[in-house]
Amino acid sequence: MREAAPSMLTPEQAAELAATQHPAPPVTDSKIARLRLLAAHDNPKIRESVASSYHTPEDVMVRLAHDPDAGVRACVARNESTPCDILRSMAGDESEMVRGWLAVNYFVPSDVMEALAGDSSHTVRSLVRWKSDLALAN
């Protein structure tokens, strides 16, 4: 029976296999148009999905970074493809949740991390320390 059992894949092998067997569809003009349309939707959860997309155009990200809903802004803050200037503009966001997501995003510029290290929120400062300790451990 052992000989008939399937072999186990490492996580890296499984990810590579998944990527080759299930490639992401190409980013088309119609997909970008859909993102632009959905970014203006009344439902903040739909705007969050746009803010989480790696393909959202920069001008749309700028708008979403100033969205009235903190959940949408948090998705912009945690998105690794959000341009640095937009992340920098969010460092003073009124929402602790948004600033917390900025603190753990590895693509946030160092000057923003320095500002967040002195944040008024204990949680945000703790997240900055945690990320710093994690970086030192690696």
Protein backbone atom coordinates (compact mmCIF):
# COMPACT_ATOMS: atom_id res chain seq x y z
CA MET A 1 0.00 0.00 0.00
CA ARG A 2 2.82 2.40 0.78
CA GLU A 3 4.11 2.09 -2.75
CA ALA A 4 0.68 3.00 -4.10
CA ALA A 5 0.32 6.03 -1.81
CA PRO A 6 0.73 9.42 -3.49
CA SER A 7 3.92 11.30 -2.74
CA MET A 8 3.68 14.36 -0.51
CA LEU A 9 4.63 17.72 -1.96
CA THR A 10 6.40 20.48 -0.08
CA PRO A 11 4.47 23.75 0.21
CA GLU A 12 6.77 25.28 -2.41
CA GLN A 13 6.17 22.40 -4.83
CA ALA A 14 2.41 22.62 -4.27
CA ALA A 15 2.44 26.39 -4.95
CA GLU A 16 4.49 25.92 -8.12
CA LEU A 17 2.19 23.15 -9.32
CA ALA A 18 -0.90 25.27 -8.62
CA ALA A 19 0.60 28.23 -10.48
CA THR A 20 1.34 26.15 -13.57
CA GLN A 21 -1.98 24.28 -13.58
CA HIS A 22 -4.18 27.24 -12.62
CA PRO A 23 -2.57 30.41 -13.98
CA ALA A 24 -4.17 33.74 -13.17
CA PRO A 25 -6.14 35.21 -16.04
CA PRO A 26 -4.50 38.10 -17.87
CA VAL A 27 -5.29 41.62 -16.75
CA THR A 28 -7.39 43.12 -19.51
CA ASP A 29 -8.75 46.59 -20.15
CA SER A 30 -12.20 45.30 -19.21
CA LYS A 31 -10.91 44.10 -15.83
CA ILE A 32 -9.44 47.54 -15.14
CA ALA A 33 -12.73 49.13 -16.23
CA ARG A 34 -14.59 46.84 -13.78
CA LEU A 35 -12.24 47.84 -10.96
CA ARG A 36 -12.87 51.50 -11.72
CA LEU A 37 -16.63 50.94 -11.72
CA LEU A 38 -16.64 48.87 -8.52
CA ALA A 39 -14.45 51.42 -6.71
CA ALA A 40 -17.46 53.77 -6.73
CA HIS A 41 -19.95 51.15 -5.49
CA ASP A 42 -22.17 52.02 -2.50
CA ASN A 43 -21.21 48.83 -0.66
CA PRO A 44 -17.91 49.35 1.21
CA LYS A 45 -17.16 45.60 1.06
CA ILE A 46 -17.07 45.81 -2.72
CA ARG A 47 -14.78 48.85 -2.51
CA GLU A 48 -12.58 46.81 -0.11
CA SER A 49 -12.20 44.12 -2.78
CA VAL A 50 -11.02 46.77 -5.25
CA ALA A 51 -8.62 48.21 -2.65
CA SER A 52 -7.22 44.70 -2.13
CA SER A 53 -6.55 44.06 -5.82
CA TYR A 54 -2.98 44.12 -7.08
CA HIS A 55 -4.29 45.47 -10.39
CA THR A 56 -6.13 48.55 -9.15
CA PRO A 57 -4.85 51.64 -11.00
CA GLU A 58 -2.96 54.23 -8.96
CA ASP A 59 -5.55 56.98 -9.42
CA VAL A 60 -8.23 54.66 -8.03
CA MET A 61 -5.99 53.75 -5.08
CA VAL A 62 -5.60 57.45 -4.31
CA ARG A 63 -9.38 57.81 -4.12
CA LEU A 64 -9.77 54.67 -2.01
CA ALA A 65 -7.04 55.85 0.38
CA HIS A 66 -9.43 58.71 1.26
CA ASP A 67 -12.59 56.58 1.36
CA PRO A 68 -14.98 57.42 4.21
CA ASP A 69 -14.95 53.76 5.30
CA ALA A 70 -11.97 52.73 7.45
CA GLY A 71 -12.21 49.14 6.19
CA VAL A 72 -11.61 50.30 2.63
CA ARG A 73 -8.65 52.45 3.70
CA ALA A 74 -7.26 49.48 5.69
CA CYS A 75 -7.33 47.35 2.53
CA VAL A 76 -5.36 50.05 0.71
CA ALA A 77 -2.88 50.17 3.62
CA ARG A 78 -2.28 46.43 3.62
CA ASN A 79 -2.08 46.00 -0.16
CA GLU A 80 1.53 45.29 -1.10
CA SER A 81 1.05 46.88 -4.52
CA THR A 82 -0.10 50.25 -3.17
CA PRO A 83 2.44 52.87 -4.28
CA CYS A 84 4.71 54.22 -1.52
CA ASP A 85 3.48 57.80 -1.90
CA ILE A 86 -0.08 56.68 -1.20
CA LEU A 87 1.05 54.65 1.82
CA ARG A 88 3.00 57.68 3.03
CA SER A 89 -0.11 59.85 2.76
CA MET A 90 -1.98 57.45 5.04
CA ALA A 91 0.42 57.60 7.99
CA GLY A 92 -1.75 60.14 9.79
CA ASP A 93 -5.05 58.32 9.16
CA GLU A 94 -7.56 58.79 11.98
CA SER A 95 -8.17 55.03 12.17
CA GLU A 96 -5.91 52.95 14.39
CA MET A 97 -6.80 49.93 12.22
CA VAL A 98 -5.52 51.67 9.08
CA ARG A 99 -2.29 52.74 10.77
CA GLY A 100 -1.90 49.20 12.14
CA TRP A 101 -2.13 47.71 8.65
CA LEU A 102 0.43 50.25 7.47
CA ALA A 103 2.74 49.13 10.27
CA VAL A 104 2.75 45.51 9.10
CA ASN A 105 2.96 46.18 5.36
CA TYR A 106 6.54 45.37 4.32
CA PHE A 107 6.42 47.90 1.49
CA VAL A 108 5.82 50.93 3.72
CA PRO A 109 8.74 53.40 3.44
CA SER A 110 11.11 53.69 6.40
CA ASP A 111 10.12 57.31 7.14
CA VAL A 112 6.53 56.15 7.63
CA MET A 113 7.69 53.34 9.92
CA GLU A 114 9.62 55.89 11.98
CA ALA A 115 6.49 58.03 12.29
CA LEU A 116 4.38 55.00 13.23
CA ALA A 117 6.95 54.02 15.88
CA GLY A 118 5.87 57.15 17.75
CA ASP A 119 2.15 56.69 17.08
CA SER A 120 -0.34 57.62 19.81
CA SER A 121 -1.74 54.07 19.68
CA HIS A 122 -0.08 51.40 21.79
CA THR A 123 -1.31 48.79 19.29
CA VAL A 124 0.32 50.53 16.32
CA ARG A 125 3.60 51.01 18.20
CA SER A 126 3.52 47.32 19.20
CA LEU A 127 2.99 46.27 15.57
CA VAL A 128 5.96 48.40 14.49
CA ARG A 129 8.14 46.72 17.18
CA TRP A 130 6.87 43.27 16.20
CA LYS A 131 7.72 43.84 12.53
CA SER A 132 11.12 45.25 13.45
CA ASP A 133 11.87 42.26 15.70
CA LEU A 134 10.72 39.90 12.97
CA ALA A 135 13.04 41.56 10.45
CA LEU A 136 15.99 41.30 12.86
CA ALA A 137 15.31 37.60 13.45
CA ASN A 138 15.55 36.83 9.73
